[in-house]
Amino acid sequence: QVQLQESGPGLVKPSETLSLTCTVSGGSITANGYYWHWIRQPPGKGLEWIGLMYITGTTGYSPSLKSRTSISWDTSKNQFTLHMTSVTPEDTAVYYCAREAGGGGWDYWGQGTQVTVSA
């Protein structure tokens, strides 16, 4: 059973950098055919896709967030990390990591972590 767990600060000040880590168990982030995503849900709004990584080094980002978002990974820890710079209160959301099985949609999700951007 694949499990994903998000971790990181619950409160970030405006203009700071947000870093969230997703730890994967029961499956490897290096496995062929699986893409690893970050998704968020602002309060009262729908899901917003942030970006993805694939172990070949491929990354992809939402056009609206691309200028201040990056994803890195640590294969030794089976983790991938979201970095978002210059956060504003509009970045307040529940952040999720998820796995995609090669075009088959997101099949495993983390439980989500609340991030609030506030002074």
C-alpha atoms as a PDB file:
ATOM      1  CA  GLN A   1       0.000   0.000   0.000  1.00  0.00           C
ATOM      2  CA  VAL A   2       1.456   3.326  -1.072  1.00  0.00           C
ATOM      3  CA  GLN A   3       1.291   6.075   1.516  1.00  0.00           C
ATOM      4  CA  LEU A   4       2.170   9.736   1.162  1.00  0.00           C
ATOM      5  CA  GLN A   5       2.687  12.133   4.042  1.00  0.00           C
ATOM      6  CA  GLU A   6       3.116  15.888   3.775  1.00  0.00           C
ATOM      7  CA  SER A   7       5.199  17.792   6.304  1.00  0.00           C
ATOM      8  CA  GLY A   8       6.210  21.393   6.754  1.00  0.00           C
ATOM      9  CA  PRO A   9       5.346  24.609   8.538  1.00  0.00           C
ATOM     10  CA  GLY A  10       1.727  25.420   9.166  1.00  0.00           C
ATOM     11  CA  LEU A  11       2.335  29.152   9.269  1.00  0.00           C
ATOM     12  CA  VAL A  12       4.483  31.193   6.907  1.00  0.00           C
ATOM     13  CA  LYS A  13       4.968  34.946   6.777  1.00  0.00           C
ATOM     14  CA  PRO A  14       4.273  36.884   3.585  1.00  0.00           C
ATOM     15  CA  SER A  15       7.282  37.161   1.226  1.00  0.00           C
ATOM     16  CA  GLU A  16       8.921  34.097   2.757  1.00  0.00           C
ATOM     17  CA  THR A  17       9.597  30.776   1.042  1.00  0.00           C
ATOM     18  CA  LEU A  18       7.341  27.838   1.732  1.00  0.00           C
ATOM     19  CA  SER A  19       8.882  24.373   1.660  1.00  0.00           C
ATOM     20  CA  LEU A  20       6.758  21.258   2.024  1.00  0.00           C
ATOM     21  CA  THR A  21       8.047  17.700   1.884  1.00  0.00           C
ATOM     22  CA  CYS A  22       6.176  14.596   0.814  1.00  0.00           C
ATOM     23  CA  THR A  23       7.499  11.331   2.222  1.00  0.00           C
ATOM     24  CA  VAL A  24       6.476   8.249   0.275  1.00  0.00           C
ATOM     25  CA  SER A  25       6.293   4.746   1.694  1.00  0.00           C
ATOM     26  CA  GLY A  26       5.211   1.485   0.103  1.00  0.00           C
ATOM     27  CA  GLY A  27       6.494   2.599  -3.275  1.00  0.00           C
ATOM     28  CA  SER A  28       9.507   4.299  -4.787  1.00  0.00           C
ATOM     29  CA  ILE A  29       9.575   7.747  -6.335  1.00  0.00           C
ATOM     30  CA  THR A  30      12.081   6.270  -8.780  1.00  0.00           C
ATOM     31  CA  ALA A  31       9.633   3.708 -10.139  1.00  0.00           C
ATOM     32  CA  ASN A  32       8.976   3.969 -13.855  1.00  0.00           C
ATOM     33  CA  GLY A  33       5.631   5.281 -14.940  1.00  0.00           C
ATOM     34  CA  TYR A  34       4.684   7.223 -11.838  1.00  0.00           C
ATOM     35  CA  TYR A  35       4.464  10.990 -11.573  1.00  0.00           C
ATOM     36  CA  TRP A  36       4.465  12.801  -8.268  1.00  0.00           C
ATOM     37  CA  HIS A  37       2.344  15.897  -7.861  1.00  0.00           C
ATOM     38  CA  TRP A  38       1.633  18.818  -5.593  1.00  0.00           C
ATOM     39  CA  ILE A  39      -1.951  20.110  -5.450  1.00  0.00           C
ATOM     40  CA  ARG A  40      -3.613  22.631  -3.181  1.00  0.00           C
ATOM     41  CA  GLN A  41      -7.086  23.706  -2.178  1.00  0.00           C
ATOM     42  CA  PRO A  42      -7.584  27.267  -0.985  1.00  0.00           C
ATOM     43  CA  PRO A  43     -10.428  27.836   1.475  1.00  0.00           C
ATOM     44  CA  GLY A  44     -13.789  27.758  -0.254  1.00  0.00           C
ATOM     45  CA  LYS A  45     -12.256  26.922  -3.635  1.00  0.00           C
ATOM     46  CA  GLY A  46     -11.556  23.870  -5.749  1.00  0.00           C
ATOM     47  CA  LEU A  47      -8.373  21.919  -6.224  1.00  0.00           C
ATOM     48  CA  GLU A  48      -5.486  23.718  -7.906  1.00  0.00           C
ATOM     49  CA  TRP A  49      -2.679  21.786  -9.512  1.00  0.00           C
ATOM     50  CA  ILE A  50       0.747  23.170  -8.622  1.00  0.00           C
ATOM     51  CA  GLY A  51       3.286  20.935 -10.317  1.00  0.00           C
ATOM     52  CA  LEU A  52       4.813  17.521 -10.823  1.00  0.00           C
ATOM     53  CA  MET A  53       8.086  15.669 -10.952  1.00  0.00           C
ATOM     54  CA  TYR A  54       9.227  12.503 -12.671  1.00  0.00           C
ATOM     55  CA  ILE A  55      12.371  10.719 -11.697  1.00  0.00           C
ATOM     56  CA  THR A  56      14.062  11.279 -15.066  1.00  0.00           C
ATOM     57  CA  GLY A  57      14.349  14.894 -13.999  1.00  0.00           C
ATOM     58  CA  THR A  58      11.221  16.117 -15.701  1.00  0.00           C
ATOM     59  CA  THR A  59       9.238  18.753 -13.874  1.00  0.00           C
ATOM     60  CA  GLY A  60       6.142  20.692 -14.822  1.00  0.00           C
ATOM     61  CA  TYR A  61       4.400  23.620 -13.183  1.00  0.00           C
ATOM     62  CA  SER A  62       1.171  25.522 -13.350  1.00  0.00           C
ATOM     63  CA  PRO A  63       1.730  28.567 -15.568  1.00  0.00           C
ATOM     64  CA  SER A  64       0.299  30.821 -12.881  1.00  0.00           C
ATOM     65  CA  LEU A  65       2.782  29.555 -10.278  1.00  0.00           C
ATOM     66  CA  LYS A  66       5.769  28.622 -12.416  1.00  0.00           C
ATOM     67  CA  SER A  67       7.783  31.754 -11.730  1.00  0.00           C
ATOM     68  CA  ARG A  68       8.019  31.060  -8.010  1.00  0.00           C
ATOM     69  CA  THR A  69       7.654  27.277  -7.714  1.00  0.00           C
ATOM     70  CA  SER A  70      10.108  24.415  -7.919  1.00  0.00           C
ATOM     71  CA  ILE A  71      10.145  20.761  -6.933  1.00  0.00           C
ATOM     72  CA  SER A  72      13.180  18.868  -5.752  1.00  0.00           C
ATOM     73  CA  TRP A  73      13.645  15.294  -4.575  1.00  0.00           C
ATOM     74  CA  ASP A  74      15.815  13.078  -2.441  1.00  0.00           C
ATOM     75  CA  THR A  75      15.835   9.497  -3.632  1.00  0.00           C
ATOM     76  CA  SER A  76      17.732   8.298  -0.559  1.00  0.00           C
ATOM     77  CA  LYS A  77      14.831   9.420   1.606  1.00  0.00           C
ATOM     78  CA  ASN A  78      12.106   8.699  -0.951  1.00  0.00           C
ATOM     79  CA  GLN A  79      10.890  12.278  -0.629  1.00  0.00           C
ATOM     80  CA  PHE A  80      10.028  15.155  -2.889  1.00  0.00           C
ATOM     81  CA  THR A  81       9.769  18.767  -1.827  1.00  0.00           C
ATOM     82  CA  LEU A  82       7.778  21.762  -2.989  1.00  0.00           C
ATOM     83  CA  HIS A  83       9.433  25.159  -2.799  1.00  0.00           C
ATOM     84  CA  MET A  84       7.320  28.265  -3.273  1.00  0.00           C
ATOM     85  CA  THR A  85       8.894  31.695  -2.977  1.00  0.00           C
ATOM     86  CA  SER A  86       7.394  35.079  -2.166  1.00  0.00           C
ATOM     87  CA  VAL A  87       4.224  33.671  -0.660  1.00  0.00           C
ATOM     88  CA  THR A  88       1.185  35.858  -0.074  1.00  0.00           C
ATOM     89  CA  PRO A  89      -2.042  35.286   1.870  1.00  0.00           C
ATOM     90  CA  GLU A  90      -3.510  34.000  -1.410  1.00  0.00           C
ATOM     91  CA  ASP A  91      -1.237  30.965  -1.017  1.00  0.00           C
ATOM     92  CA  THR A  92      -3.140  29.925   2.105  1.00  0.00           C
ATOM     93  CA  ALA A  93      -4.502  26.470   1.378  1.00  0.00           C
ATOM     94  CA  VAL A  94      -4.453  22.799   2.224  1.00  0.00           C
ATOM     95  CA  TYR A  95      -1.519  21.345   0.319  1.00  0.00           C
ATOM     96  CA  TYR A  96      -1.545  17.760  -0.914  1.00  0.00           C
ATOM     97  CA  CYS A  97       0.958  15.496  -2.537  1.00  0.00           C
ATOM     98  CA  ALA A  98      -0.310  12.757  -4.811  1.00  0.00           C
ATOM     99  CA  ARG A  99       0.809  10.019  -7.151  1.00  0.00           C
ATOM    100  CA  GLU A 100      -0.272   9.670 -10.746  1.00  0.00           C
ATOM    101  CA  ALA A 101       0.019   6.304 -12.462  1.00  0.00           C
ATOM    102  CA  GLY A 102       1.045   7.483 -15.918  1.00  0.00           C
ATOM    103  CA  GLY A 103      -2.071   9.168 -17.217  1.00  0.00           C
ATOM    104  CA  GLY A 104      -4.390   7.229 -15.004  1.00  0.00           C
ATOM    105  CA  GLY A 105      -5.185  10.058 -12.648  1.00  0.00           C
ATOM    106  CA  TRP A 106      -4.176  10.569  -9.067  1.00  0.00           C
ATOM    107  CA  ASP A 107      -4.480   7.235  -7.303  1.00  0.00           C
ATOM    108  CA  TYR A 108      -2.824   7.921  -3.960  1.00  0.00           C
ATOM    109  CA  TRP A 109      -2.962  11.109  -1.917  1.00  0.00           C
ATOM    110  CA  GLY A 110      -1.476  12.400   1.272  1.00  0.00           C
ATOM    111  CA  GLN A 111      -3.849  13.543   3.979  1.00  0.00           C
ATOM    112  CA  GLY A 112      -3.037  17.171   3.278  1.00  0.00           C
ATOM    113  CA  THR A 113      -1.407  19.847   5.370  1.00  0.00           C
ATOM    114  CA  GLN A 114      -2.824  23.273   6.164  1.00  0.00           C
ATOM    115  CA  VAL A 115      -0.571  26.201   5.310  1.00  0.00           C
ATOM    116  CA  THR A 116      -1.540  29.686   6.390  1.00  0.00           C
ATOM    117  CA  VAL A 117       0.301  32.732   5.113  1.00  0.00           C
ATOM    118  CA  SER A 118      -0.033  35.525   7.618  1.00  0.00           C
ATOM    119  CA  ALA A 119       2.064  38.096   9.381  1.00  0.00           C
END
